């Protein structure tokens, strides 16, 4: 049972977001971190992880429709690149921070003391969870308008930025969307002295090698392997 004070807090948040909600329990759960239910010995079903799962799906369908309509001339690969950045944890954490979601979180005492209310992963999860709450509450149209407004300037920047070429993120999202195994990056060789080492990496999906890359760091080699994989899948054009 929510207290009058908590309902007032949630009303303040809803007002700041420019949305409406009928079921405050959904929203409260969306803002309840697992550390809070653990410390208070509540069921883990009362934290925001299930709503995060639902919100993730709602976010992707709304963003996908928006990009499909905004960029009618873009290929699937180009749309996928932009969406990967839009739904990334870094972007969601940034949006959640700008919306001051941390202020409204139910979070465990020790977790909050360690700065958990400002932790990017926690904020990103809470952002997706509140989307799930509004979706369950039947506010899909409001949610769509809210996200389009929130993302409008970000999309322009992403479209013009090289950051959309995060090939690892694009490949991971593609495999998830198509019910495939997550990419598995395997070091197949290391050459050169310790101060000038080159890493050679292959990326496997469903135990099949679909890309190769070499670089001065594992991260660089993985990005190149993911780029080759996306090229072989026909999602980006060969340079």
Protein backbone atom coordinates (compact mmCIF):
# COMPACT_ATOMS: atom_id res chain seq x y z
CA UNK A 1 0.00 0.00 0.00
CA UNK A 2 1.52 3.28 -1.10
CA UNK A 3 1.70 6.12 1.38
CA UNK A 4 0.24 9.54 0.59
CA UNK A 5 3.78 10.94 0.60
CA UNK A 6 4.95 8.40 -1.97
CA UNK A 7 1.96 9.11 -4.20
CA UNK A 8 2.80 12.81 -4.02
CA UNK A 9 6.37 12.03 -5.07
CA UNK A 10 5.15 9.94 -7.99
CA UNK A 11 2.72 12.67 -9.02
CA UNK A 12 5.60 15.11 -9.10
CA UNK A 13 7.57 12.78 -11.38
CA UNK A 14 4.60 12.15 -13.68
CA UNK A 15 4.02 15.89 -13.94
CA UNK A 16 7.68 16.51 -14.79
CA UNK A 17 7.54 13.83 -17.48
CA UNK A 18 4.34 15.29 -18.92
CA UNK A 19 2.55 11.94 -18.66
CA UNK A 20 -0.42 10.53 -16.76
CA UNK A 21 -0.82 7.23 -14.95
CA UNK A 22 -3.69 5.40 -13.29
CA UNK A 23 -1.86 2.55 -11.57
CA UNK A 24 0.71 4.04 -9.21
CA UNK A 25 1.80 0.57 -8.09
CA UNK A 26 3.29 -0.03 -11.55
CA UNK A 27 5.30 3.17 -11.37
CA UNK A 28 6.46 2.55 -7.81
CA UNK A 29 7.64 -0.94 -8.76
CA UNK A 30 9.43 0.49 -11.79
CA UNK A 31 11.41 2.70 -9.43
CA UNK A 32 12.24 -0.05 -6.94
CA UNK A 33 15.79 -1.36 -7.14
CA UNK A 34 16.63 -4.96 -6.25
CA UNK A 35 18.76 -3.77 -3.30
CA UNK A 36 15.62 -2.30 -1.72
CA UNK A 37 13.57 -5.50 -1.93
CA UNK A 38 16.57 -7.51 -0.70
CA UNK A 39 17.19 -5.31 2.34
CA UNK A 40 13.51 -5.26 3.25
CA UNK A 41 13.08 -9.00 2.61
CA UNK A 42 10.41 -8.42 -0.05
CA UNK A 43 9.83 -10.75 -2.96
CA UNK A 44 12.25 -10.19 -5.85
CA UNK A 45 9.14 -9.95 -8.05
CA UNK A 46 8.52 -6.54 -6.46
CA UNK A 47 11.67 -4.94 -7.88
CA UNK A 48 11.86 -3.34 -11.32
CA UNK A 49 13.58 -6.11 -13.29
CA UNK A 50 10.43 -7.54 -14.88
CA UNK A 51 9.20 -4.09 -15.88
CA UNK A 52 12.66 -3.35 -17.28
CA UNK A 53 12.24 -6.41 -19.53
CA UNK A 54 8.89 -5.11 -20.78
CA UNK A 55 10.09 -1.53 -21.12
CA UNK A 56 13.05 -2.65 -23.22
CA UNK A 57 10.65 -4.22 -25.73
CA UNK A 58 8.35 -1.18 -25.75
CA UNK A 59 11.30 1.15 -26.25
CA UNK A 60 12.61 -0.78 -29.22
CA UNK A 61 9.27 -0.95 -31.05
CA UNK A 62 8.58 2.77 -30.52
CA UNK A 63 12.10 3.78 -31.55
CA UNK A 64 12.01 1.45 -34.55
CA UNK A 65 8.72 2.91 -35.80
CA UNK A 66 9.99 6.45 -35.25
CA UNK A 67 13.21 5.83 -37.20
CA UNK A 68 11.33 3.98 -39.94
CA UNK A 69 9.13 7.04 -40.48
CA UNK A 70 11.79 9.71 -39.94
CA UNK A 71 14.33 8.20 -42.33
CA UNK A 72 12.31 6.66 -45.22
CA UNK A 73 15.41 6.53 -47.42
CA UNK A 74 17.63 4.64 -44.94
CA UNK A 75 18.44 0.94 -45.27
CA UNK A 76 17.85 -1.60 -42.51
CA UNK A 77 21.54 -1.44 -41.64
CA UNK A 78 21.55 2.34 -41.31
CA UNK A 79 18.43 2.28 -39.12
CA UNK A 80 19.96 -0.46 -36.98
CA UNK A 81 23.11 1.60 -36.41
CA UNK A 82 21.14 4.57 -35.10
CA UNK A 83 18.79 2.46 -32.97
CA UNK A 84 21.72 0.67 -31.33
CA UNK A 85 22.96 3.99 -29.96
CA UNK A 86 19.48 5.20 -28.99
CA UNK A 87 18.71 2.14 -26.85
CA UNK A 88 22.23 1.70 -25.43
CA UNK A 89 22.70 1.77 -21.66
CA UNK A 90 24.86 4.88 -21.98
CA UNK A 91 22.08 6.79 -23.74
CA UNK A 92 19.37 5.55 -21.36
CA UNK A 93 21.47 6.48 -18.34
CA UNK A 94 22.00 9.97 -19.77
CA UNK A 95 18.27 10.43 -20.35
CA UNK A 96 17.46 9.11 -16.87
CA UNK A 97 20.01 11.45 -15.30
CA UNK A 98 18.57 14.43 -17.19
CA UNK A 99 15.10 13.46 -15.92
CA UNK A 100 16.43 13.17 -12.35
CA UNK A 101 15.04 9.64 -11.95
CA UNK A 102 17.56 8.86 -9.22
CA UNK A 103 15.65 11.19 -6.90
CA UNK A 104 12.60 8.90 -7.03
CA UNK A 105 14.27 5.51 -6.67
CA UNK A 106 13.46 3.08 -3.87
CA UNK A 107 16.98 1.86 -3.25
CA UNK A 108 18.69 -0.02 -0.44
CA UNK A 109 20.47 1.98 2.26
CA UNK A 110 23.90 0.51 1.56
CA UNK A 111 23.47 0.78 -2.20
CA UNK A 112 22.48 4.44 -1.94
CA UNK A 113 25.39 5.11 0.43
CA UNK A 114 27.73 3.73 -2.25
CA UNK A 115 26.28 6.06 -4.88
CA UNK A 116 23.94 3.51 -6.41
CA UNK A 117 21.28 6.13 -7.09
CA UNK A 118 23.61 7.73 -9.62
CA UNK A 119 25.04 4.53 -11.09
CA UNK A 120 24.51 4.52 -14.89
CA UNK A 121 23.36 0.89 -15.02
CA UNK A 122 20.81 1.51 -12.26
CA UNK A 123 19.47 4.63 -13.99
CA UNK A 124 19.26 2.88 -17.36
CA UNK A 125 17.28 0.00 -15.82
CA UNK A 126 14.92 2.41 -14.07
CA UNK A 127 14.33 4.30 -17.29
CA UNK A 128 13.32 1.14 -19.15
CA UNK A 129 11.22 0.00 -16.20
CA UNK A 130 9.12 3.18 -16.10
CA UNK A 131 8.48 2.75 -19.83
CA UNK A 132 7.18 -0.72 -18.98
CA UNK A 133 4.97 0.74 -16.26
CA UNK A 134 3.35 3.29 -18.59
CA UNK A 135 2.97 0.62 -21.27
CA UNK A 136 1.15 -1.69 -18.83
CA UNK A 137 -1.03 1.25 -17.80
CA UNK A 138 -2.24 1.55 -21.40
CA UNK A 139 -0.39 4.78 -22.13
CA UNK A 140 1.37 3.62 -25.31
CA UNK A 141 0.39 6.74 -27.31
CA UNK A 142 1.57 9.07 -24.54
CA UNK A 143 4.73 7.02 -24.22
CA UNK A 144 5.42 7.27 -27.93
CA UNK A 145 4.98 11.06 -27.94
CA UNK A 146 7.17 11.34 -24.84
CA UNK A 147 10.02 9.33 -26.35
CA UNK A 148 9.87 11.08 -29.71
CA UNK A 149 10.15 14.46 -27.98
CA UNK A 150 12.91 13.20 -25.69
CA UNK A 151 14.97 11.73 -28.51
CA UNK A 152 14.42 14.31 -31.25
CA UNK A 153 17.63 16.29 -30.80
CA UNK A 154 19.60 13.20 -29.84
CA UNK A 155 18.68 11.44 -33.08
CA UNK A 156 19.94 14.32 -35.19
CA UNK A 157 23.26 14.23 -33.35
CA UNK A 158 23.53 10.45 -33.55
CA UNK A 159 22.77 10.48 -37.26
CA UNK A 160 25.58 12.95 -37.87
CA UNK A 161 28.02 11.32 -35.48
CA UNK A 162 30.54 8.58 -36.02
CA UNK A 163 29.37 7.11 -32.70
CA UNK A 164 26.60 5.34 -34.61
CA UNK A 165 29.29 3.06 -35.97
CA UNK A 166 29.60 1.05 -32.76
CA UNK A 167 29.74 -2.20 -34.65
CA UNK A 168 29.79 -4.42 -31.54
CA UNK A 169 26.58 -2.84 -30.23
CA UNK A 170 24.90 -3.13 -33.63
CA UNK A 171 25.86 -6.78 -34.01
CA UNK A 172 24.68 -7.63 -30.50
CA UNK A 173 21.31 -5.97 -31.04
CA UNK A 174 20.91 -7.71 -34.40
CA UNK A 175 21.56 -11.15 -32.89
CA UNK A 176 19.17 -10.48 -30.00
CA UNK A 177 16.44 -9.25 -32.33
CA UNK A 178 16.78 -12.38 -34.48
CA UNK A 179 16.90 -14.93 -31.62
CA UNK A 180 20.53 -15.82 -32.29
CA UNK A 181 23.33 -16.51 -29.80
CA UNK A 182 25.16 -13.43 -28.59
CA UNK A 183 28.42 -12.71 -30.44
CA UNK A 184 31.39 -14.63 -29.02
CA UNK A 185 34.73 -12.87 -29.57
CA UNK A 186 37.69 -15.26 -29.49
CA UNK A 187 41.38 -14.34 -29.56
CA UNK A 188 42.97 -16.52 -32.21
CA UNK A 189 46.45 -15.01 -32.13
CA UNK A 190 48.66 -12.44 -30.42
CA UNK A 191 51.79 -11.24 -32.18
CA UNK A 192 54.55 -8.77 -31.36
CA UNK A 193 56.28 -7.68 -28.14
CA UNK A 194 54.27 -6.67 -25.08
CA UNK A 195 54.63 -2.93 -25.82
CA UNK A 196 53.52 -3.32 -29.43
CA UNK A 197 51.15 -6.27 -29.45
CA UNK A 198 48.61 -6.98 -32.17
CA UNK A 199 45.49 -8.99 -31.32
CA UNK A 200 43.70 -11.11 -33.89
CA UNK A 201 40.09 -11.91 -33.06
CA UNK A 202 37.28 -13.86 -34.70
CA UNK A 203 33.63 -13.35 -33.82
CA UNK A 204 31.34 -16.36 -33.71
CA UNK A 205 27.54 -16.43 -33.77
CA UNK A 206 25.81 -19.78 -33.27
CA UNK A 207 29.32 -21.34 -33.31
CA UNK A 208 29.96 -20.03 -36.83
CA UNK A 209 32.80 -17.63 -37.55
CA UNK A 210 31.36 -14.58 -39.29
CA UNK A 211 34.07 -11.95 -38.87
CA UNK A 212 37.77 -11.33 -38.31
CA UNK A 213 39.64 -8.28 -37.02
CA UNK A 214 43.13 -7.28 -35.90
CA UNK A 215 44.15 -4.30 -33.79
CA UNK A 216 46.51 -2.87 -31.19
CA UNK A 217 43.92 -3.59 -28.50
CA UNK A 218 41.32 -6.29 -27.99
CA UNK A 219 38.58 -3.65 -28.24
CA UNK A 220 39.84 -2.41 -31.61
CA UNK A 221 40.12 -5.95 -32.95
CA UNK A 222 36.62 -6.79 -31.73
CA UNK A 223 35.17 -3.70 -33.44
CA UNK A 224 36.82 -4.67 -36.72
CA UNK A 225 35.60 -8.25 -36.40
CA UNK A 226 32.06 -7.01 -35.72
CA UNK A 227 32.29 -4.67 -38.73
CA UNK A 228 33.25 -7.59 -40.99
CA UNK A 229 30.42 -9.65 -39.51
CA UNK A 230 27.87 -6.91 -40.25
CA UNK A 231 29.22 -6.68 -43.80
CA UNK A 232 28.86 -10.44 -44.29
CA UNK A 233 25.30 -10.24 -42.95
CA UNK A 234 24.52 -7.50 -45.47
CA UNK A 235 23.75 -4.89 -42.81
CA UNK A 236 26.46 -2.48 -43.90
CA UNK A 237 28.19 -1.96 -47.22
CA UNK A 238 31.75 -3.05 -47.77
CA UNK A 239 34.09 -0.06 -47.72
